[in-house]
């Protein structure tokens, strides 16, 4: 009986650690996606400003 409980506890611990790892991966992916969106908007704004200045100097 002890062996069954030990195996069950090990399986539960494994599943909890797997869940934690997946949560951490999800958080990291969310951070990367948010950062890339922000960076894309910044680059778009910067290119618009540069284009306007170049056209204004012609």
Protein backbone atom coordinates (compact mmCIF):
# COMPACT_ATOMS: atom_id res chain seq x y z
CA UNK A 1 0.00 0.00 0.00
CA UNK A 2 2.85 2.37 0.78
CA UNK A 3 4.31 1.81 -2.68
CA UNK A 4 1.02 2.82 -4.32
CA UNK A 5 0.84 6.00 -2.22
CA UNK A 6 4.45 6.83 -3.04
CA UNK A 7 3.81 6.38 -6.76
CA UNK A 8 0.67 8.49 -6.56
CA UNK A 9 2.51 11.24 -4.70
CA UNK A 10 5.34 11.13 -7.24
CA UNK A 11 2.88 11.37 -10.11
CA UNK A 12 1.09 14.32 -8.53
CA UNK A 13 4.38 16.11 -7.85
CA UNK A 14 5.45 15.51 -11.45
CA UNK A 15 2.17 16.92 -12.79
CA UNK A 16 2.40 19.97 -10.55
CA UNK A 17 5.96 20.68 -11.67
CA UNK A 18 4.90 20.26 -15.29
CA UNK A 19 2.02 22.68 -14.74
CA UNK A 20 4.37 25.22 -13.15
CA UNK A 21 6.77 24.93 -16.06
CA UNK A 22 3.95 25.46 -18.55
CA UNK A 23 2.74 28.51 -16.64
CA UNK A 24 6.24 29.98 -16.68
CA UNK A 25 6.54 29.35 -20.42
CA UNK A 26 3.17 31.02 -20.98
CA UNK A 27 4.24 34.07 -18.97
CA UNK A 28 7.51 34.31 -20.91
CA UNK A 29 5.71 34.03 -24.25
CA UNK A 30 3.23 36.73 -23.23
CA UNK A 31 6.11 39.03 -22.30
CA UNK A 32 7.85 38.40 -25.62
CA UNK A 33 4.68 39.01 -27.63
CA UNK A 34 3.87 42.21 -25.75
CA UNK A 35 7.43 43.47 -26.16
CA UNK A 36 7.48 42.71 -29.88
CA UNK A 37 4.17 44.55 -30.38
CA UNK A 38 5.49 47.57 -28.50
CA UNK A 39 8.73 47.49 -30.46
CA UNK A 40 6.83 47.26 -33.74
CA UNK A 41 4.74 50.31 -32.84
CA UNK A 42 7.85 52.26 -31.83
CA UNK A 43 9.61 51.43 -35.09
CA UNK A 44 6.52 52.38 -37.08
CA UNK A 45 6.28 55.74 -35.30
CA UNK A 46 10.00 56.37 -35.77
CA UNK A 47 9.89 55.62 -39.50
CA UNK A 48 6.90 57.95 -39.88
CA UNK A 49 8.80 60.79 -38.18
CA UNK A 50 11.92 60.19 -40.26
CA UNK A 51 9.89 60.02 -43.49
CA UNK A 52 8.11 63.29 -42.64
CA UNK A 53 11.40 65.02 -41.88
CA UNK A 54 13.03 63.78 -45.08
CA UNK A 55 10.05 64.85 -47.18
CA UNK A 56 9.95 68.21 -45.36
CA UNK A 57 13.62 68.86 -46.19
CA UNK A 58 13.14 68.32 -49.92
